């Protein structure tokens, strides 16, 4: 089938149509850019004009972000402290004094195969006896050689002690099951001494973890309450700004202004609240954290290192949180107003 030859007039018409379409697209983009620039300009003007309302909104948003930052810092610091305690604390399992070195080595070999066990060490009855006598001598400041000799000659009733480091001190189920059921150790457990995972040491560790969880929960609840208050304050601030400009908004709607052109300046204004509040909260949080370094020593150092090395992530997080609170408040306020109208 012969191809249809395109005339010169058709080519020119196509070119003209393409140019006109491109000009319309270009104009639309420029119009959007100008519109957005005006929205930002009007929002900035409203932010400056409503000084006292802006200060009130910024203050409560800053408090919200400070509480949130303090909760995260405290939680991380306490988590670091608990990790240090876990690294220093061993779980102790006591083996009868009559056990042989081969039996102890076999038990240690079985224990190291457990997924929750990091390392296993042991103290022999002889070494435990020497350590115990040395503590008695030091505590009582004993210098009588005959008395010290009698201590060493007394029958040694101390068992073997297995010192077991766990990945997580709160996860002792595998170790407990091993001690209760494994054939290599079941009949050698010293019944007169309770393993440390069932003693007061475990209770102390559990209490520390429980305190940390409570602090985290209280902090998050407080931050949530302040966030709700901040949303209400910004909401009322934006509503007052809308009320002051109701005639202007009414005229814009009459001439066909888009919804975004009406709502946008208030969203921008509320975003400025969040940005300023984030800057204030960041400054206060960093100043307070580094000021407390001397009081908490090494406990706070890992947290401060993260804050120093990843300051840009901290800043971005605070900015996002502040802007989000502002935007939600502004959208709720404008939505309710426009819906009523």
C-alpha atoms as a PDB file:
ATOM      1  CA  UNK A   1       0.000   0.000   0.000  1.00  0.00           C
ATOM      2  CA  UNK A   2       1.573   3.316  -1.095  1.00  0.00           C
ATOM      3  CA  UNK A   3       2.501   5.665   1.759  1.00  0.00           C
ATOM      4  CA  UNK A   4       0.568   8.917   2.027  1.00  0.00           C
ATOM      5  CA  UNK A   5       2.724  11.940   1.335  1.00  0.00           C
ATOM      6  CA  UNK A   6       2.484  14.613   4.022  1.00  0.00           C
ATOM      7  CA  UNK A   7       2.076  18.081   2.574  1.00  0.00           C
ATOM      8  CA  UNK A   8       4.154  21.046   3.657  1.00  0.00           C
ATOM      9  CA  UNK A   9       1.058  22.758   5.064  1.00  0.00           C
ATOM     10  CA  UNK A  10       0.310  19.712   7.279  1.00  0.00           C
ATOM     11  CA  UNK A  11       3.886  19.732   8.555  1.00  0.00           C
ATOM     12  CA  UNK A  12       3.710  23.410   9.442  1.00  0.00           C
ATOM     13  CA  UNK A  13       0.331  22.915  11.160  1.00  0.00           C
ATOM     14  CA  UNK A  14       1.769  20.039  13.229  1.00  0.00           C
ATOM     15  CA  UNK A  15       4.800  22.132  14.184  1.00  0.00           C
ATOM     16  CA  UNK A  16       2.576  25.045  15.153  1.00  0.00           C
ATOM     17  CA  UNK A  17       0.343  22.778  17.241  1.00  0.00           C
ATOM     18  CA  UNK A  18       3.373  21.297  19.003  1.00  0.00           C
ATOM     19  CA  UNK A  19       4.753  24.767  19.748  1.00  0.00           C
ATOM     20  CA  UNK A  20       1.413  25.915  21.148  1.00  0.00           C
ATOM     21  CA  UNK A  21       1.167  22.816  23.344  1.00  0.00           C
ATOM     22  CA  UNK A  22       4.715  23.349  24.585  1.00  0.00           C
ATOM     23  CA  UNK A  23       3.948  26.991  25.359  1.00  0.00           C
ATOM     24  CA  UNK A  24       0.869  25.957  27.351  1.00  0.00           C
ATOM     25  CA  UNK A  25       2.907  23.432  29.344  1.00  0.00           C
ATOM     26  CA  UNK A  26       5.638  26.026  29.953  1.00  0.00           C
ATOM     27  CA  UNK A  27       3.100  28.605  31.066  1.00  0.00           C
ATOM     28  CA  UNK A  28       1.459  26.089  33.392  1.00  0.00           C
ATOM     29  CA  UNK A  29       4.771  25.232  35.023  1.00  0.00           C
ATOM     30  CA  UNK A  30       5.680  28.883  35.399  1.00  0.00           C
ATOM     31  CA  UNK A  31       2.262  29.584  36.817  1.00  0.00           C
ATOM     32  CA  UNK A  32       2.678  26.794  39.378  1.00  0.00           C
ATOM     33  CA  UNK A  33       6.088  28.084  40.349  1.00  0.00           C
ATOM     34  CA  UNK A  34       4.769  31.606  40.759  1.00  0.00           C
ATOM     35  CA  UNK A  35       1.793  30.337  42.722  1.00  0.00           C
ATOM     36  CA  UNK A  36       3.988  28.352  45.084  1.00  0.00           C
ATOM     37  CA  UNK A  37       6.309  31.328  45.506  1.00  0.00           C
ATOM     38  CA  UNK A  38       3.346  33.524  46.430  1.00  0.00           C
ATOM     39  CA  UNK A  39       2.070  30.903  48.886  1.00  0.00           C
ATOM     40  CA  UNK A  40       5.450  30.824  50.647  1.00  0.00           C
ATOM     41  CA  UNK A  41       5.578  34.634  50.652  1.00  0.00           C
ATOM     42  CA  UNK A  42       2.092  34.996  52.148  1.00  0.00           C
ATOM     43  CA  UNK A  43       2.840  32.293  54.734  1.00  0.00           C
ATOM     44  CA  UNK A  44       6.049  34.035  55.794  1.00  0.00           C
ATOM     45  CA  UNK A  45       4.244  37.366  56.098  1.00  0.00           C
ATOM     46  CA  UNK A  46       1.533  35.825  58.263  1.00  0.00           C
ATOM     47  CA  UNK A  47       4.217  34.175  60.438  1.00  0.00           C
ATOM     48  CA  UNK A  48       5.889  37.538  61.070  1.00  0.00           C
ATOM     49  CA  UNK A  49       2.630  39.454  61.448  1.00  0.00           C
ATOM     50  CA  UNK A  50       1.168  37.184  64.175  1.00  0.00           C
ATOM     51  CA  UNK A  51       4.164  37.548  66.490  1.00  0.00           C
ATOM     52  CA  UNK A  52       2.653  36.637  69.857  1.00  0.00           C
ATOM     53  CA  UNK A  53       0.561  33.807  68.478  1.00  0.00           C
ATOM     54  CA  UNK A  54       3.657  32.497  66.717  1.00  0.00           C
ATOM     55  CA  UNK A  55       5.681  32.632  69.936  1.00  0.00           C
ATOM     56  CA  UNK A  56       3.032  30.662  71.840  1.00  0.00           C
ATOM     57  CA  UNK A  57       2.792  28.010  69.143  1.00  0.00           C
ATOM     58  CA  UNK A  58       6.578  27.718  68.806  1.00  0.00           C
ATOM     59  CA  UNK A  59       7.049  27.441  72.585  1.00  0.00           C
ATOM     60  CA  UNK A  60       4.682  24.506  73.034  1.00  0.00           C
ATOM     61  CA  UNK A  61       6.053  22.755  69.921  1.00  0.00           C
ATOM     62  CA  UNK A  62       9.609  23.243  71.213  1.00  0.00           C
ATOM     63  CA  UNK A  63       8.650  21.719  74.577  1.00  0.00           C
ATOM     64  CA  UNK A  64       7.140  18.743  72.754  1.00  0.00           C
ATOM     65  CA  UNK A  65      10.300  18.132  70.739  1.00  0.00           C
ATOM     66  CA  UNK A  66      12.519  18.607  73.814  1.00  0.00           C
ATOM     67  CA  UNK A  67      10.529  15.992  75.756  1.00  0.00           C
ATOM     68  CA  UNK A  68      10.740  13.614  72.804  1.00  0.00           C
ATOM     69  CA  UNK A  69      14.507  14.182  72.474  1.00  0.00           C
ATOM     70  CA  UNK A  70      15.055  13.729  76.213  1.00  0.00           C
ATOM     71  CA  UNK A  71      13.148  10.428  76.125  1.00  0.00           C
ATOM     72  CA  UNK A  72      15.249   9.080  73.269  1.00  0.00           C
ATOM     73  CA  UNK A  73      18.520  10.214  74.895  1.00  0.00           C
ATOM     74  CA  UNK A  74      17.581   8.765  78.306  1.00  0.00           C
ATOM     75  CA  UNK A  75      16.437   5.474  76.787  1.00  0.00           C
ATOM     76  CA  UNK A  76      19.626   5.070  74.774  1.00  0.00           C
ATOM     77  CA  UNK A  77      21.810   5.981  77.775  1.00  0.00           C
ATOM     78  CA  UNK A  78      20.029   3.473  80.039  1.00  0.00           C
ATOM     79  CA  UNK A  79      20.234   0.812  77.348  1.00  0.00           C
ATOM     80  CA  UNK A  80      23.994   1.406  77.193  1.00  0.00           C
ATOM     81  CA  UNK A  81      24.218   1.114  80.989  1.00  0.00           C
ATOM     82  CA  UNK A  82      22.299  -2.179  80.980  1.00  0.00           C
ATOM     83  CA  UNK A  83      24.539  -3.558  78.226  1.00  0.00           C
ATOM     84  CA  UNK A  84      27.597  -2.721  80.323  1.00  0.00           C
ATOM     85  CA  UNK A  85      26.059  -4.469  83.334  1.00  0.00           C
ATOM     86  CA  UNK A  86      25.277  -7.512  81.206  1.00  0.00           C
ATOM     87  CA  UNK A  87      28.878  -7.663  79.994  1.00  0.00           C
ATOM     88  CA  UNK A  88      30.137  -7.630  83.582  1.00  0.00           C
ATOM     89  CA  UNK A  89      27.646 -10.090  85.064  1.00  0.00           C
ATOM     90  CA  UNK A  90      27.967 -13.856  84.706  1.00  0.00           C
ATOM     91  CA  UNK A  91      25.388 -16.524  85.348  1.00  0.00           C
ATOM     92  CA  UNK A  92      26.785 -18.996  87.883  1.00  0.00           C
ATOM     93  CA  UNK A  93      26.021 -22.710  87.921  1.00  0.00           C
ATOM     94  CA  UNK A  94      27.462 -24.783  90.799  1.00  0.00           C
ATOM     95  CA  UNK A  95      28.817 -28.308  90.300  1.00  0.00           C
ATOM     96  CA  UNK A  96      29.432 -30.836  93.080  1.00  0.00           C
ATOM     97  CA  UNK A  97      32.931 -30.764  94.541  1.00  0.00           C
ATOM     98  CA  UNK A  98      33.526 -34.406  93.604  1.00  0.00           C
ATOM     99  CA  UNK A  99      33.283 -33.742  89.855  1.00  0.00           C
ATOM    100  CA  UNK A 100      36.428 -34.467  87.839  1.00  0.00           C
ATOM    101  CA  UNK A 101      38.255 -32.102  85.497  1.00  0.00           C
ATOM    102  CA  UNK A 102      37.169 -34.224  82.510  1.00  0.00           C
ATOM    103  CA  UNK A 103      33.523 -33.897  83.511  1.00  0.00           C
ATOM    104  CA  UNK A 104      33.888 -30.133  83.880  1.00  0.00           C
ATOM    105  CA  UNK A 105      35.561 -29.865  80.466  1.00  0.00           C
ATOM    106  CA  UNK A 106      32.768 -31.934  78.895  1.00  0.00           C
ATOM    107  CA  UNK A 107      30.094 -29.699  80.465  1.00  0.00           C
ATOM    108  CA  UNK A 108      31.885 -26.540  79.256  1.00  0.00           C
ATOM    109  CA  UNK A 109      32.112 -28.007  75.747  1.00  0.00           C
ATOM    110  CA  UNK A 110      28.367 -28.646  75.743  1.00  0.00           C
ATOM    111  CA  UNK A 111      27.583 -25.191  77.133  1.00  0.00           C
ATOM    112  CA  UNK A 112      29.614 -23.357  74.478  1.00  0.00           C
ATOM    113  CA  UNK A 113      27.432 -24.995  71.809  1.00  0.00           C
ATOM    114  CA  UNK A 114      24.337 -23.187  73.100  1.00  0.00           C
ATOM    115  CA  UNK A 115      23.254 -20.242  70.928  1.00  0.00           C
ATOM    116  CA  UNK A 116      22.574 -17.975  73.907  1.00  0.00           C
ATOM    117  CA  UNK A 117      25.995 -18.578  75.532  1.00  0.00           C
ATOM    118  CA  UNK A 118      28.914 -16.270  74.690  1.00  0.00           C
ATOM    119  CA  UNK A 119      31.654 -17.676  76.922  1.00  0.00           C
ATOM    120  CA  UNK A 120      32.143 -20.139  79.790  1.00  0.00           C
ATOM    121  CA  UNK A 121      34.826 -20.087  82.485  1.00  0.00           C
ATOM    122  CA  UNK A 122      35.152 -22.029  85.716  1.00  0.00           C
ATOM    123  CA  UNK A 123      36.545 -21.737  89.239  1.00  0.00           C
ATOM    124  CA  UNK A 124      37.807 -24.929  90.877  1.00  0.00           C
ATOM    125  CA  UNK A 125      36.962 -25.723  94.526  1.00  0.00           C
ATOM    126  CA  UNK A 126      40.622 -25.119  95.466  1.00  0.00           C
ATOM    127  CA  UNK A 127      40.730 -21.686  93.808  1.00  0.00           C
ATOM    128  CA  UNK A 128      37.335 -20.772  95.273  1.00  0.00           C
ATOM    129  CA  UNK A 129      38.567 -21.780  98.729  1.00  0.00           C
ATOM    130  CA  UNK A 130      41.687 -19.652  98.406  1.00  0.00           C
ATOM    131  CA  UNK A 131      39.679 -16.634  97.219  1.00  0.00           C
ATOM    132  CA  UNK A 132      37.212 -17.067 100.085  1.00  0.00           C
ATOM    133  CA  UNK A 133      39.975 -17.290 102.719  1.00  0.00           C
ATOM    134  CA  UNK A 134      41.740 -14.260 101.256  1.00  0.00           C
ATOM    135  CA  UNK A 135      38.542 -12.222 101.505  1.00  0.00           C
ATOM    136  CA  UNK A 136      38.117 -13.279 105.151  1.00  0.00           C
ATOM    137  CA  UNK A 137      41.689 -12.240 105.940  1.00  0.00           C
ATOM    138  CA  UNK A 138      41.327  -8.869 104.219  1.00  0.00           C
ATOM    139  CA  UNK A 139      37.906  -8.121 105.703  1.00  0.00           C
ATOM    140  CA  UNK A 140      39.009  -8.989 109.241  1.00  0.00           C
ATOM    141  CA  UNK A 141      42.518  -7.589 108.862  1.00  0.00           C
ATOM    142  CA  UNK A 142      43.829 -10.902 110.243  1.00  0.00           C
ATOM    143  CA  UNK A 143      47.592 -11.192 110.859  1.00  0.00           C
ATOM    144  CA  UNK A 144      47.779 -14.229 113.133  1.00  0.00           C
ATOM    145  CA  UNK A 145      49.671 -16.852 111.109  1.00  0.00           C
ATOM    146  CA  UNK A 146      48.365 -19.800 113.107  1.00  0.00           C
ATOM    147  CA  UNK A 147      44.766 -18.686 112.530  1.00  0.00           C
ATOM    148  CA  UNK A 148      45.411 -18.188 108.815  1.00  0.00           C
ATOM    149  CA  UNK A 149      47.017 -21.667 108.674  1.00  0.00           C
ATOM    150  CA  UNK A 150      43.974 -23.193 110.360  1.00  0.00           C
ATOM    151  CA  UNK A 151      41.723 -21.582 107.747  1.00  0.00           C
ATOM    152  CA  UNK A 152      43.643 -23.261 104.950  1.00  0.00           C
ATOM    153  CA  UNK A 153      43.656 -26.611 106.796  1.00  0.00           C
ATOM    154  CA  UNK A 154      39.878 -26.540 107.359  1.00  0.00           C
ATOM    155  CA  UNK A 155      37.806 -28.869 105.129  1.00  0.00           C
ATOM    156  CA  UNK A 156      36.951 -27.273 101.784  1.00  0.00           C
ATOM    157  CA  UNK A 157      33.230 -27.517 101.122  1.00  0.00           C
ATOM    158  CA  UNK A 158      33.066 -25.169  98.123  1.00  0.00           C
ATOM    159  CA  UNK A 159      31.846 -26.574  94.757  1.00  0.00           C
ATOM    160  CA  UNK A 160      33.017 -25.992  91.203  1.00  0.00           C
ATOM    161  CA  UNK A 161      31.605 -22.755  89.806  1.00  0.00           C
ATOM    162  CA  UNK A 162      30.785 -22.338  86.111  1.00  0.00           C
ATOM    163  CA  UNK A 163      30.773 -18.662  85.105  1.00  0.00           C
ATOM    164  CA  UNK A 164      28.578 -18.301  82.026  1.00  0.00           C
ATOM    165  CA  UNK A 165      28.229 -15.160  79.897  1.00  0.00           C
ATOM    166  CA  UNK A 166      24.960 -14.905  77.980  1.00  0.00           C
ATOM    167  CA  UNK A 167      24.039 -12.942  74.898  1.00  0.00           C
ATOM    168  CA  UNK A 168      21.027 -11.558  76.767  1.00  0.00           C
ATOM    169  CA  UNK A 169      20.686 -11.859  80.534  1.00  0.00           C
ATOM    170  CA  UNK A 170      16.891 -11.810  80.215  1.00  0.00           C
ATOM    171  CA  UNK A 171      16.971 -14.876  77.977  1.00  0.00           C
ATOM    172  CA  UNK A 172      18.002 -17.765  80.217  1.00  0.00           C
ATOM    173  CA  UNK A 173      15.487 -20.345  78.995  1.00  0.00           C
ATOM    174  CA  UNK A 174      18.044 -22.342  76.993  1.00  0.00           C
ATOM    175  CA  UNK A 175      20.528 -22.396  79.890  1.00  0.00           C
ATOM    176  CA  UNK A 176      17.839 -23.409  82.390  1.00  0.00           C
ATOM    177  CA  UNK A 177      16.681 -26.219  80.110  1.00  0.00           C
ATOM    178  CA  UNK A 178      20.274 -27.411  79.707  1.00  0.00           C
ATOM    179  CA  UNK A 179      20.913 -27.491  83.463  1.00  0.00           C
ATOM    180  CA  UNK A 180      17.654 -29.336  84.113  1.00  0.00           C
ATOM    181  CA  UNK A 181      17.821 -31.959  81.373  1.00  0.00           C
ATOM    182  CA  UNK A 182      21.296 -32.409  79.847  1.00  0.00           C
ATOM    183  CA  UNK A 183      22.855 -35.740  80.858  1.00  0.00           C
ATOM    184  CA  UNK A 184      26.357 -34.247  81.153  1.00  0.00           C
ATOM    185  CA  UNK A 185      25.372 -31.973  84.036  1.00  0.00           C
ATOM    186  CA  UNK A 186      22.017 -33.092  85.472  1.00  0.00           C
ATOM    187  CA  UNK A 187      23.435 -35.428  88.134  1.00  0.00           C
ATOM    188  CA  UNK A 188      26.380 -33.151  89.015  1.00  0.00           C
ATOM    189  CA  UNK A 189      24.474 -30.017  90.054  1.00  0.00           C
ATOM    190  CA  UNK A 190      25.155 -28.923  93.631  1.00  0.00           C
ATOM    191  CA  UNK A 191      21.672 -28.992  95.177  1.00  0.00           C
ATOM    192  CA  UNK A 192      22.746 -26.792  98.091  1.00  0.00           C
ATOM    193  CA  UNK A 193      23.426 -23.785  95.863  1.00  0.00           C
ATOM    194  CA  UNK A 194      20.871 -22.165  93.589  1.00  0.00           C
ATOM    195  CA  UNK A 195      22.082 -21.113  90.099  1.00  0.00           C
ATOM    196  CA  UNK A 196      22.333 -17.313  89.811  1.00  0.00           C
ATOM    197  CA  UNK A 197      19.686 -17.106  87.067  1.00  0.00           C
ATOM    198  CA  UNK A 198      17.167 -18.054  89.757  1.00  0.00           C
ATOM    199  CA  UNK A 199      18.614 -15.775  92.441  1.00  0.00           C
ATOM    200  CA  UNK A 200      18.370 -12.133  93.469  1.00  0.00           C
ATOM    201  CA  UNK A 201      20.929 -11.139  90.808  1.00  0.00           C
ATOM    202  CA  UNK A 202      18.410 -11.988  88.105  1.00  0.00           C
ATOM    203  CA  UNK A 203      15.745  -9.993  89.958  1.00  0.00           C
ATOM    204  CA  UNK A 204      18.063  -6.958  90.068  1.00  0.00           C
ATOM    205  CA  UNK A 205      18.699  -7.141  86.330  1.00  0.00           C
ATOM    206  CA  UNK A 206      14.979  -7.520  85.658  1.00  0.00           C
ATOM    207  CA  UNK A 207      14.245  -4.452  87.810  1.00  0.00           C
ATOM    208  CA  UNK A 208      16.768  -2.359  85.890  1.00  0.00           C
ATOM    209  CA  UNK A 209      15.230  -3.407  82.574  1.00  0.00           C
ATOM    210  CA  UNK A 210      11.742  -2.704  83.943  1.00  0.00           C
ATOM    211  CA  UNK A 211      12.801   0.795  85.057  1.00  0.00           C
ATOM    212  CA  UNK A 212      14.176   1.513  81.590  1.00  0.00           C
ATOM    213  CA  UNK A 213      10.948   0.369  79.939  1.00  0.00           C
ATOM    214  CA  UNK A 214       8.894   2.547  82.300  1.00  0.00           C
ATOM    215  CA  UNK A 215      11.039   5.615  81.620  1.00  0.00           C
ATOM    216  CA  UNK A 216      10.668   5.051  77.883  1.00  0.00           C
ATOM    217  CA  UNK A 217       6.890   4.613  78.197  1.00  0.00           C
ATOM    218  CA  UNK A 218       6.480   7.685  80.426  1.00  0.00           C
ATOM    219  CA  UNK A 219       8.607   9.772  78.069  1.00  0.00           C
ATOM    220  CA  UNK A 220       6.669   8.699  74.992  1.00  0.00           C
ATOM    221  CA  UNK A 221       3.330   9.317  76.714  1.00  0.00           C
ATOM    222  CA  UNK A 222       4.509  12.781  77.838  1.00  0.00           C
ATOM    223  CA  UNK A 223       5.739  13.559  74.330  1.00  0.00           C
ATOM    224  CA  UNK A 224       2.397  12.396  72.918  1.00  0.00           C
ATOM    225  CA  UNK A 225       0.458  14.597  75.361  1.00  0.00           C
ATOM    226  CA  UNK A 226       2.584  17.635  74.531  1.00  0.00           C
ATOM    227  CA  UNK A 227       2.261  16.863  70.811  1.00  0.00           C
ATOM    228  CA  UNK A 228      -1.527  16.844  71.176  1.00  0.00           C
ATOM    229  CA  UNK A 229      -1.376  20.157  73.067  1.00  0.00           C
ATOM    230  CA  UNK A 230       0.914  21.578  70.373  1.00  0.00           C
ATOM    231  CA  UNK A 231      -1.515  20.517  67.642  1.00  0.00           C
ATOM    232  CA  UNK A 232      -4.393  22.178  69.509  1.00  0.00           C
ATOM    233  CA  UNK A 233      -2.396  25.400  70.052  1.00  0.00           C
ATOM    234  CA  UNK A 234      -1.300  25.605  66.413  1.00  0.00           C
ATOM    235  CA  UNK A 235      -4.827  24.643  65.337  1.00  0.00           C
ATOM    236  CA  UNK A 236      -6.307  27.586  67.265  1.00  0.00           C
ATOM    237  CA  UNK A 237      -3.543  29.899  66.051  1.00  0.00           C
ATOM    238  CA  UNK A 238      -4.317  29.039  62.437  1.00  0.00           C
ATOM    239  CA  UNK A 239      -8.057  29.369  63.059  1.00  0.00           C
ATOM    240  CA  UNK A 240      -7.522  32.876  64.425  1.00  0.00           C
ATOM    241  CA  UNK A 241      -5.393  33.752  61.403  1.00  0.00           C
ATOM    242  CA  UNK A 242      -8.153  32.422  59.137  1.00  0.00           C
ATOM    243  CA  UNK A 243     -10.762  34.435  61.022  1.00  0.00           C
ATOM    244  CA  UNK A 244      -8.716  37.631  60.612  1.00  0.00           C
ATOM    245  CA  UNK A 245      -8.480  37.009  56.860  1.00  0.00           C
ATOM    246  CA  UNK A 246     -11.979  35.622  56.284  1.00  0.00           C
ATOM    247  CA  UNK A 247     -13.028  38.428  53.920  1.00  0.00           C
ATOM    248  CA  UNK A 248      -9.848  38.012  51.901  1.00  0.00           C
ATOM    249  CA  UNK A 249     -10.415  34.253  51.715  1.00  0.00           C
ATOM    250  CA  UNK A 250     -14.035  34.817  50.683  1.00  0.00           C
ATOM    251  CA  UNK A 251     -12.938  37.073  47.808  1.00  0.00           C
ATOM    252  CA  UNK A 252     -10.310  34.553  46.669  1.00  0.00           C
ATOM    253  CA  UNK A 253     -12.953  31.850  46.533  1.00  0.00           C
ATOM    254  CA  UNK A 254     -15.260  34.108  44.521  1.00  0.00           C
ATOM    255  CA  UNK A 255     -12.628  34.728  41.855  1.00  0.00           C
ATOM    256  CA  UNK A 256     -11.899  31.013  41.588  1.00  0.00           C
ATOM    257  CA  UNK A 257      -8.693  30.630  43.609  1.00  0.00           C
ATOM    258  CA  UNK A 258      -7.667  27.008  44.037  1.00  0.00           C
ATOM    259  CA  UNK A 259      -7.993  25.267  47.363  1.00  0.00           C
ATOM    260  CA  UNK A 260      -4.206  24.974  47.671  1.00  0.00           C
ATOM    261  CA  UNK A 261      -3.750  28.705  47.051  1.00  0.00           C
ATOM    262  CA  UNK A 262      -6.058  29.378  50.030  1.00  0.00           C
ATOM    263  CA  UNK A 263      -4.757  26.632  52.322  1.00  0.00           C
ATOM    264  CA  UNK A 264      -1.077  26.813  51.345  1.00  0.00           C
ATOM    265  CA  UNK A 265      -0.066  30.007  53.236  1.00  0.00           C
ATOM    266  CA  UNK A 266      -1.426  28.588  56.501  1.00  0.00           C
ATOM    267  CA  UNK A 267       0.450  25.324  55.959  1.00  0.00           C
ATOM    268  CA  UNK A 268       3.630  27.300  55.281  1.00  0.00           C
ATOM    269  CA  UNK A 269       3.060  29.426  58.391  1.00  0.00           C
ATOM    270  CA  UNK A 270       2.599  26.326  60.567  1.00  0.00           C
ATOM    271  CA  UNK A 271       5.690  24.747  58.996  1.00  0.00           C
ATOM    272  CA  UNK A 272       7.710  27.791  60.049  1.00  0.00           C
ATOM    273  CA  UNK A 273       6.501  27.185  63.614  1.00  0.00           C
ATOM    274  CA  UNK A 274       7.842  23.650  63.406  1.00  0.00           C
ATOM    275  CA  UNK A 275      11.180  24.692  61.900  1.00  0.00           C
ATOM    276  CA  UNK A 276      11.875  27.328  64.566  1.00  0.00           C
ATOM    277  CA  UNK A 277      10.710  24.951  67.334  1.00  0.00           C
ATOM    278  CA  UNK A 278      13.023  22.217  65.993  1.00  0.00           C
ATOM    279  CA  UNK A 279      16.012  24.582  66.027  1.00  0.00           C
ATOM    280  CA  UNK A 280      15.258  25.604  69.628  1.00  0.00           C
ATOM    281  CA  UNK A 281      14.672  21.990  70.739  1.00  0.00           C
ATOM    282  CA  UNK A 282      17.871  20.815  69.069  1.00  0.00           C
ATOM    283  CA  UNK A 283      19.940  23.532  70.759  1.00  0.00           C
ATOM    284  CA  UNK A 284      18.444  22.852  74.188  1.00  0.00           C
ATOM    285  CA  UNK A 285      18.785  19.059  73.853  1.00  0.00           C
ATOM    286  CA  UNK A 286      22.427  19.208  72.782  1.00  0.00           C
ATOM    287  CA  UNK A 287      23.337  21.759  75.448  1.00  0.00           C
ATOM    288  CA  UNK A 288      21.637  19.735  78.201  1.00  0.00           C
ATOM    289  CA  UNK A 289      23.121  16.416  77.066  1.00  0.00           C
ATOM    290  CA  UNK A 290      26.698  17.710  76.983  1.00  0.00           C
ATOM    291  CA  UNK A 291      26.213  19.589  80.262  1.00  0.00           C
ATOM    292  CA  UNK A 292      25.221  16.309  81.959  1.00  0.00           C
ATOM    293  CA  UNK A 293      28.277  14.469  80.642  1.00  0.00           C
ATOM    294  CA  UNK A 294      30.311  15.184  83.798  1.00  0.00           C
ATOM    295  CA  UNK A 295      27.527  13.775  86.016  1.00  0.00           C
ATOM    296  CA  UNK A 296      26.967  10.512  84.153  1.00  0.00           C
ATOM    297  CA  UNK A 297      30.505   9.830  82.924  1.00  0.00           C
ATOM    298  CA  UNK A 298      30.954   6.938  80.514  1.00  0.00           C
ATOM    299  CA  UNK A 299      27.252   6.018  80.591  1.00  0.00           C
ATOM    300  CA  UNK A 300      26.353   8.983  78.407  1.00  0.00           C
ATOM    301  CA  UNK A 301      29.397   8.937  76.136  1.00  0.00           C
ATOM    302  CA  UNK A 302      28.059   6.486  73.485  1.00  0.00           C
ATOM    303  CA  UNK A 303      24.889   8.566  73.180  1.00  0.00           C
ATOM    304  CA  UNK A 304      26.884  11.800  72.853  1.00  0.00           C
ATOM    305  CA  UNK A 305      29.098  10.201  70.206  1.00  0.00           C
ATOM    306  CA  UNK A 306      26.033   9.337  68.146  1.00  0.00           C
ATOM    307  CA  UNK A 307      24.701  12.879  68.578  1.00  0.00           C
ATOM    308  CA  UNK A 308      28.034  14.325  67.409  1.00  0.00           C
ATOM    309  CA  UNK A 309      28.640  11.957  64.502  1.00  0.00           C
ATOM    310  CA  UNK A 310      25.072  11.929  63.211  1.00  0.00           C
ATOM    311  CA  UNK A 311      23.975  15.469  64.055  1.00  0.00           C
ATOM    312  CA  UNK A 312      22.474  15.900  60.598  1.00  0.00           C
ATOM    313  CA  UNK A 313      20.122  12.943  61.141  1.00  0.00           C
ATOM    314  CA  UNK A 314      19.103  14.333  64.537  1.00  0.00           C
ATOM    315  CA  UNK A 315      18.458  17.754  62.960  1.00  0.00           C
ATOM    316  CA  UNK A 316      16.428  16.237  60.113  1.00  0.00           C
ATOM    317  CA  UNK A 317      14.369  14.144  62.542  1.00  0.00           C
ATOM    318  CA  UNK A 318      13.509  17.164  64.681  1.00  0.00           C
ATOM    319  CA  UNK A 319      12.660  19.242  61.605  1.00  0.00           C
ATOM    320  CA  UNK A 320      10.425  16.514  60.193  1.00  0.00           C
ATOM    321  CA  UNK A 321       8.660  16.059  63.538  1.00  0.00           C
ATOM    322  CA  UNK A 322       8.146  19.820  63.970  1.00  0.00           C
ATOM    323  CA  UNK A 323       6.934  20.392  60.416  1.00  0.00           C
ATOM    324  CA  UNK A 324       4.640  17.363  60.643  1.00  0.00           C
ATOM    325  CA  UNK A 325       2.963  18.704  63.781  1.00  0.00           C
ATOM    326  CA  UNK A 326       2.513  22.098  62.117  1.00  0.00           C
ATOM    327  CA  UNK A 327       1.184  20.716  58.837  1.00  0.00           C
ATOM    328  CA  UNK A 328      -1.318  18.395  60.562  1.00  0.00           C
ATOM    329  CA  UNK A 329      -2.595  21.295  62.667  1.00  0.00           C
ATOM    330  CA  UNK A 330      -2.924  23.624  59.679  1.00  0.00           C
ATOM    331  CA  UNK A 331      -4.695  21.056  57.515  1.00  0.00           C
ATOM    332  CA  UNK A 332      -7.162  20.252  60.293  1.00  0.00           C
ATOM    333  CA  UNK A 333      -7.891  23.951  60.890  1.00  0.00           C
ATOM    334  CA  UNK A 334      -8.315  24.901  57.227  1.00  0.00           C
ATOM    335  CA  UNK A 335     -10.285  21.767  56.417  1.00  0.00           C
ATOM    336  CA  UNK A 336     -12.788  22.466  59.172  1.00  0.00           C
ATOM    337  CA  UNK A 337     -13.114  26.125  58.167  1.00  0.00           C
ATOM    338  CA  UNK A 338     -13.546  25.481  54.430  1.00  0.00           C
ATOM    339  CA  UNK A 339     -15.983  22.677  55.162  1.00  0.00           C
ATOM    340  CA  UNK A 340     -18.133  25.017  57.239  1.00  0.00           C
ATOM    341  CA  UNK A 341     -18.119  27.582  54.468  1.00  0.00           C
END
